[in-house]
């Protein structure tokens, strides 16, 4: 089962953290879509992932992608990471667990 605390923890990173994210990416995307479609979630909270994805596709950036080829995309990923981290931190835990159980039951 997906552990959001493991995925979005502060402090030192372990080599397996990125692999953990990649292996659970499909579940994370389904969980986000499921939570965004839930009417019990406040509208202000739903704006966080939408704003993060909007920033990703906007042509203007803090660090220009064309000017800093290697570091240009880092601000995009940092904004997405912190928006999604804040989104999952502010979501009611019982709501997240309910949706996770539903997703896990359909995967079997």
Foldseek 3Di string as FASTA:
>chain_A
DDDLCLQQPDDDDDPCNVVSCVVCVVVVVQLLVVVLPDPVDDPVLNVLQVVLVVQQPDCDDPAHCVVDVVCNCVRSVVSNSVSVNVSVVPPPPVSSVVSSVVVVVVVD
